[in-house]
Amino acid sequence: MLEKLQSAAPEDTAYFYSASAAEEIERGCIGHLRGDFGRSGEEFWVTWFPRRSPFETTAFKEELGKVFQAIGDQKVLKSRQHMLRFCSEHPEARIGGAWSTDVYGFCMQTQDHRYYLRCFPFAGDYNFYLYCYARPERLVEQQQQAPSTPAAQKKKRKRNDRRTQ
């Protein structure tokens, strides 16, 4: 069973937004879902924006489906009205410094991943973003397994080696 959404800590604000490619790699960003409830507030539209992440595996995709279902079970994503009700019950989840005072941030963690749900329960913009990240321990494991010389440098060396031969 997955944990319930928690109000995010203020220091996690950056995890609710896209960043530069380098920052997203450093944070272990796998991708994000963006969605809205359409004009009526009762529709459901969602789009996945992947990153080039080694963590976007079949296991991750299966887990993301379960996480999305668990969030849905809390009725946050049932409709815009349900989202508004959920956010209103958690005023501590307001994201400080956001473009509106009506932007809320929640998080959920699993053994391998962290999920950050940003909610805007009003018409006129996308209603939610769900950012997906590998947990810091997984990033450390990956760095320890990676070769010490970046692939781009290896390719350059090989090309240069051919020129000198």
C-alpha atoms as a PDB file:
ATOM      1  CA  MET A   1       0.000   0.000   0.000  1.00  0.00           C
ATOM      2  CA  LEU A   2       1.264   3.460  -0.903  1.00  0.00           C
ATOM      3  CA  GLU A   3       1.404   6.323   1.548  1.00  0.00           C
ATOM      4  CA  LYS A   4      -0.965   9.248   1.291  1.00  0.00           C
ATOM      5  CA  LEU A   5       0.014  12.611  -0.099  1.00  0.00           C
ATOM      6  CA  GLN A   6       1.725  14.859   2.414  1.00  0.00           C
ATOM      7  CA  SER A   7       2.044  18.628   2.349  1.00  0.00           C
ATOM      8  CA  ALA A   8       5.503  19.351   0.984  1.00  0.00           C
ATOM      9  CA  ALA A   9       8.187  21.115   2.962  1.00  0.00           C
ATOM     10  CA  PRO A  10       9.052  24.682   1.876  1.00  0.00           C
ATOM     11  CA  GLU A  11      12.619  23.616   1.032  1.00  0.00           C
ATOM     12  CA  ASP A  12      11.222  21.234  -1.617  1.00  0.00           C
ATOM     13  CA  THR A  13       9.702  24.024  -3.737  1.00  0.00           C
ATOM     14  CA  ALA A  14      12.203  23.558  -6.589  1.00  0.00           C
ATOM     15  CA  TYR A  15      10.982  19.981  -7.120  1.00  0.00           C
ATOM     16  CA  PHE A  16       7.592  21.255  -8.319  1.00  0.00           C
ATOM     17  CA  TYR A  17       9.027  22.969 -11.391  1.00  0.00           C
ATOM     18  CA  SER A  18      11.128  22.179 -14.433  1.00  0.00           C
ATOM     19  CA  ALA A  19      14.743  23.308 -14.334  1.00  0.00           C
ATOM     20  CA  SER A  20      17.766  23.297 -16.601  1.00  0.00           C
ATOM     21  CA  ALA A  21      18.778  19.921 -18.010  1.00  0.00           C
ATOM     22  CA  ALA A  22      21.837  19.836 -15.739  1.00  0.00           C
ATOM     23  CA  GLU A  23      19.772  20.589 -12.622  1.00  0.00           C
ATOM     24  CA  GLU A  24      17.191  17.974 -13.536  1.00  0.00           C
ATOM     25  CA  ILE A  25      19.905  15.336 -13.994  1.00  0.00           C
ATOM     26  CA  GLU A  26      21.394  16.324 -10.631  1.00  0.00           C
ATOM     27  CA  ARG A  27      17.981  16.026  -8.949  1.00  0.00           C
ATOM     28  CA  GLY A  28      17.233  12.697 -10.641  1.00  0.00           C
ATOM     29  CA  CYS A  29      14.194  13.951 -12.560  1.00  0.00           C
ATOM     30  CA  ILE A  30      12.583  11.170 -14.587  1.00  0.00           C
ATOM     31  CA  GLY A  31       9.800  13.282 -16.074  1.00  0.00           C
ATOM     32  CA  HIS A  32       6.497  14.895 -15.249  1.00  0.00           C
ATOM     33  CA  LEU A  33       2.805  14.618 -15.959  1.00  0.00           C
ATOM     34  CA  ARG A  34       0.806  17.741 -16.743  1.00  0.00           C
ATOM     35  CA  GLY A  35      -2.948  17.718 -16.579  1.00  0.00           C
ATOM     36  CA  ASP A  36      -6.143  19.671 -16.433  1.00  0.00           C
ATOM     37  CA  PHE A  37      -9.858  19.177 -15.983  1.00  0.00           C
ATOM     38  CA  GLY A  38     -10.963  20.895 -19.197  1.00  0.00           C
ATOM     39  CA  ARG A  39     -13.452  23.702 -19.461  1.00  0.00           C
ATOM     40  CA  SER A  40     -16.123  21.952 -17.434  1.00  0.00           C
ATOM     41  CA  GLY A  41     -13.802  21.052 -14.563  1.00  0.00           C
ATOM     42  CA  GLU A  42     -14.970  17.437 -14.895  1.00  0.00           C
ATOM     43  CA  GLU A  43     -12.843  16.311 -17.870  1.00  0.00           C
ATOM     44  CA  PHE A  44      -9.433  14.733 -17.498  1.00  0.00           C
ATOM     45  CA  TRP A  45      -6.486  15.463 -19.773  1.00  0.00           C
ATOM     46  CA  VAL A  46      -2.927  14.419 -19.044  1.00  0.00           C
ATOM     47  CA  THR A  47       0.386  14.459 -20.925  1.00  0.00           C
ATOM     48  CA  TRP A  48       3.702  12.813 -20.001  1.00  0.00           C
ATOM     49  CA  PHE A  49       6.952  14.747 -20.495  1.00  0.00           C
ATOM     50  CA  PRO A  50       9.894  12.345 -20.192  1.00  0.00           C
ATOM     51  CA  ARG A  51      13.509  13.225 -19.539  1.00  0.00           C
ATOM     52  CA  ARG A  52      16.411  11.190 -20.796  1.00  0.00           C
ATOM     53  CA  SER A  53      16.720   9.336 -17.540  1.00  0.00           C
ATOM     54  CA  PRO A  54      18.171   5.906 -16.868  1.00  0.00           C
ATOM     55  CA  PHE A  55      15.537   5.633 -14.135  1.00  0.00           C
ATOM     56  CA  GLU A  56      12.598   5.553 -16.576  1.00  0.00           C
ATOM     57  CA  THR A  57      12.265   1.785 -16.449  1.00  0.00           C
ATOM     58  CA  THR A  58       9.361  -0.600 -16.777  1.00  0.00           C
ATOM     59  CA  ALA A  59       9.298  -0.904 -12.970  1.00  0.00           C
ATOM     60  CA  PHE A  60       9.107   2.894 -12.663  1.00  0.00           C
ATOM     61  CA  LYS A  61       6.234   3.082 -15.169  1.00  0.00           C
ATOM     62  CA  GLU A  62       4.310   0.402 -13.263  1.00  0.00           C
ATOM     63  CA  GLU A  63       4.909   2.235  -9.991  1.00  0.00           C
ATOM     64  CA  LEU A  64       3.853   5.563 -11.534  1.00  0.00           C
ATOM     65  CA  GLY A  65       0.534   3.963 -12.493  1.00  0.00           C
ATOM     66  CA  LYS A  66       0.037   2.823  -8.899  1.00  0.00           C
ATOM     67  CA  VAL A  67       1.023   6.228  -7.497  1.00  0.00           C
ATOM     68  CA  PHE A  68      -1.356   7.967  -9.879  1.00  0.00           C
ATOM     69  CA  GLN A  69      -4.118   5.600  -8.782  1.00  0.00           C
ATOM     70  CA  ALA A  70      -3.317   6.235  -5.084  1.00  0.00           C
ATOM     71  CA  ILE A  71      -3.528   9.986  -5.665  1.00  0.00           C
ATOM     72  CA  GLY A  72      -6.794   9.435  -7.504  1.00  0.00           C
ATOM     73  CA  ASP A  73      -8.126   7.407  -4.577  1.00  0.00           C
ATOM     74  CA  GLN A  74      -7.647  10.516  -2.418  1.00  0.00           C
ATOM     75  CA  LYS A  75      -9.995  12.306  -4.860  1.00  0.00           C
ATOM     76  CA  VAL A  76      -7.437  15.048  -5.612  1.00  0.00           C
ATOM     77  CA  LEU A  77      -7.628  14.363  -9.335  1.00  0.00           C
ATOM     78  CA  LYS A  78     -11.318  13.535  -9.628  1.00  0.00           C
ATOM     79  CA  SER A  79     -12.327  17.046 -10.718  1.00  0.00           C
ATOM     80  CA  ARG A  80     -11.329  20.654 -10.258  1.00  0.00           C
ATOM     81  CA  GLN A  81     -13.901  20.978  -7.466  1.00  0.00           C
ATOM     82  CA  HIS A  82     -12.484  17.946  -5.647  1.00  0.00           C
ATOM     83  CA  MET A  83      -8.976  19.362  -6.012  1.00  0.00           C
ATOM     84  CA  LEU A  84     -10.118  22.698  -4.578  1.00  0.00           C
ATOM     85  CA  ARG A  85     -11.689  20.924  -1.611  1.00  0.00           C
ATOM     86  CA  PHE A  86      -8.528  18.867  -0.993  1.00  0.00           C
ATOM     87  CA  CYS A  87      -6.253  21.911  -1.248  1.00  0.00           C
ATOM     88  CA  SER A  88      -8.527  23.976   1.014  1.00  0.00           C
ATOM     89  CA  GLU A  89      -8.182  21.272   3.661  1.00  0.00           C
ATOM     90  CA  HIS A  90      -4.380  21.697   3.495  1.00  0.00           C
ATOM     91  CA  PRO A  91      -3.579  25.430   3.611  1.00  0.00           C
ATOM     92  CA  GLU A  92      -0.079  24.578   4.886  1.00  0.00           C
ATOM     93  CA  ALA A  93       0.643  23.114   1.431  1.00  0.00           C
ATOM     94  CA  ARG A  94       0.577  26.515  -0.300  1.00  0.00           C
ATOM     95  CA  ILE A  95       3.775  26.990  -2.260  1.00  0.00           C
ATOM     96  CA  GLY A  96       5.387  30.240  -1.139  1.00  0.00           C
ATOM     97  CA  GLY A  97       6.618  32.470  -3.930  1.00  0.00           C
ATOM     98  CA  ALA A  98       4.440  30.778  -6.559  1.00  0.00           C
ATOM     99  CA  TRP A  99       2.801  32.889  -9.268  1.00  0.00           C
ATOM    100  CA  SER A 100      -0.495  32.617  -7.348  1.00  0.00           C
ATOM    101  CA  THR A 101      -1.367  32.127  -3.696  1.00  0.00           C
ATOM    102  CA  ASP A 102      -3.605  29.276  -4.862  1.00  0.00           C
ATOM    103  CA  VAL A 103      -0.791  26.919  -5.854  1.00  0.00           C
ATOM    104  CA  TYR A 104      -0.363  23.928  -3.551  1.00  0.00           C
ATOM    105  CA  GLY A 105       2.383  21.321  -3.239  1.00  0.00           C
ATOM    106  CA  PHE A 106       2.170  17.744  -2.035  1.00  0.00           C
ATOM    107  CA  CYS A 107       4.628  14.885  -2.028  1.00  0.00           C
ATOM    108  CA  MET A 108       4.650  11.118  -1.843  1.00  0.00           C
ATOM    109  CA  GLN A 109       7.629   8.777  -1.589  1.00  0.00           C
ATOM    110  CA  THR A 110       8.154   5.149  -2.395  1.00  0.00           C
ATOM    111  CA  GLN A 111      11.189   2.970  -1.843  1.00  0.00           C
ATOM    112  CA  ASP A 112      12.804   4.123  -5.095  1.00  0.00           C
ATOM    113  CA  HIS A 113      11.118   7.379  -6.107  1.00  0.00           C
ATOM    114  CA  ARG A 114       9.772  10.739  -4.957  1.00  0.00           C
ATOM    115  CA  TYR A 115       6.671  12.335  -6.457  1.00  0.00           C
ATOM    116  CA  TYR A 116       5.779  16.020  -6.195  1.00  0.00           C
ATOM    117  CA  LEU A 117       2.237  17.084  -7.073  1.00  0.00           C
ATOM    118  CA  ARG A 118       1.661  20.787  -7.760  1.00  0.00           C
ATOM    119  CA  CYS A 119      -2.004  21.765  -7.812  1.00  0.00           C
ATOM    120  CA  PHE A 120      -3.804  24.842  -9.112  1.00  0.00           C
ATOM    121  CA  PRO A 121      -7.517  24.160  -8.551  1.00  0.00           C
ATOM    122  CA  PHE A 122      -8.933  26.906 -10.785  1.00  0.00           C
ATOM    123  CA  ALA A 123      -9.754  27.322 -14.473  1.00  0.00           C
ATOM    124  CA  GLY A 124      -7.402  29.189 -16.761  1.00  0.00           C
ATOM    125  CA  ASP A 125      -4.222  27.139 -16.447  1.00  0.00           C
ATOM    126  CA  TYR A 126      -3.120  23.537 -16.122  1.00  0.00           C
ATOM    127  CA  ASN A 127      -4.486  22.128 -12.900  1.00  0.00           C
ATOM    128  CA  PHE A 128      -1.680  19.805 -11.908  1.00  0.00           C
ATOM    129  CA  TYR A 129       1.872  18.722 -12.512  1.00  0.00           C
ATOM    130  CA  LEU A 130       3.283  15.521 -11.065  1.00  0.00           C
ATOM    131  CA  TYR A 131       7.093  15.560 -11.089  1.00  0.00           C
ATOM    132  CA  CYS A 132       8.856  12.218 -10.680  1.00  0.00           C
ATOM    133  CA  TYR A 133      12.354  11.790  -9.268  1.00  0.00           C
ATOM    134  CA  ALA A 134      14.691   8.982  -8.317  1.00  0.00           C
ATOM    135  CA  ARG A 135      15.431   9.000  -4.601  1.00  0.00           C
ATOM    136  CA  PRO A 136      18.846  10.423  -3.626  1.00  0.00           C
ATOM    137  CA  GLU A 137      20.132   6.970  -2.649  1.00  0.00           C
ATOM    138  CA  ARG A 138      19.449   5.712  -6.186  1.00  0.00           C
ATOM    139  CA  LEU A 139      21.365   8.671  -7.616  1.00  0.00           C
ATOM    140  CA  VAL A 140      24.368   7.825  -5.453  1.00  0.00           C
ATOM    141  CA  GLU A 141      24.186   4.169  -6.547  1.00  0.00           C
ATOM    142  CA  GLN A 142      24.089   5.214 -10.205  1.00  0.00           C
ATOM    143  CA  GLN A 143      27.045   7.590  -9.788  1.00  0.00           C
ATOM    144  CA  GLN A 144      29.086   4.853  -8.146  1.00  0.00           C
ATOM    145  CA  GLN A 145      28.351   2.493 -11.047  1.00  0.00           C
ATOM    146  CA  ALA A 146      29.074   5.085 -13.757  1.00  0.00           C
ATOM    147  CA  PRO A 147      32.551   5.242 -15.280  1.00  0.00           C
ATOM    148  CA  SER A 148      34.697   8.139 -14.098  1.00  0.00           C
ATOM    149  CA  THR A 149      35.171   9.601 -17.602  1.00  0.00           C
ATOM    150  CA  PRO A 150      32.023  11.044 -19.200  1.00  0.00           C
ATOM    151  CA  ALA A 151      30.975   9.415 -22.500  1.00  0.00           C
ATOM    152  CA  ALA A 152      31.354  12.678 -24.431  1.00  0.00           C
ATOM    153  CA  GLN A 153      35.019  12.898 -23.422  1.00  0.00           C
ATOM    154  CA  LYS A 154      35.604   9.259 -24.375  1.00  0.00           C
ATOM    155  CA  LYS A 155      34.174   9.848 -27.843  1.00  0.00           C
ATOM    156  CA  LYS A 156      36.395  12.906 -28.316  1.00  0.00           C
ATOM    157  CA  ARG A 157      39.458  10.950 -27.311  1.00  0.00           C
ATOM    158  CA  LYS A 158      38.654   8.155 -29.732  1.00  0.00           C
ATOM    159  CA  ARG A 159      38.271  10.605 -32.587  1.00  0.00           C
ATOM    160  CA  ASN A 160      41.501  12.345 -31.638  1.00  0.00           C
ATOM    161  CA  ASP A 161      43.279   8.998 -31.338  1.00  0.00           C
ATOM    162  CA  ARG A 162      42.273   8.117 -34.900  1.00  0.00           C
ATOM    163  CA  ARG A 163      43.626  11.407 -36.200  1.00  0.00           C
ATOM    164  CA  THR A 164      47.055  10.843 -34.662  1.00  0.00           C
ATOM    165  CA  GLN A 165      47.467   7.326 -36.005  1.00  0.00           C
END
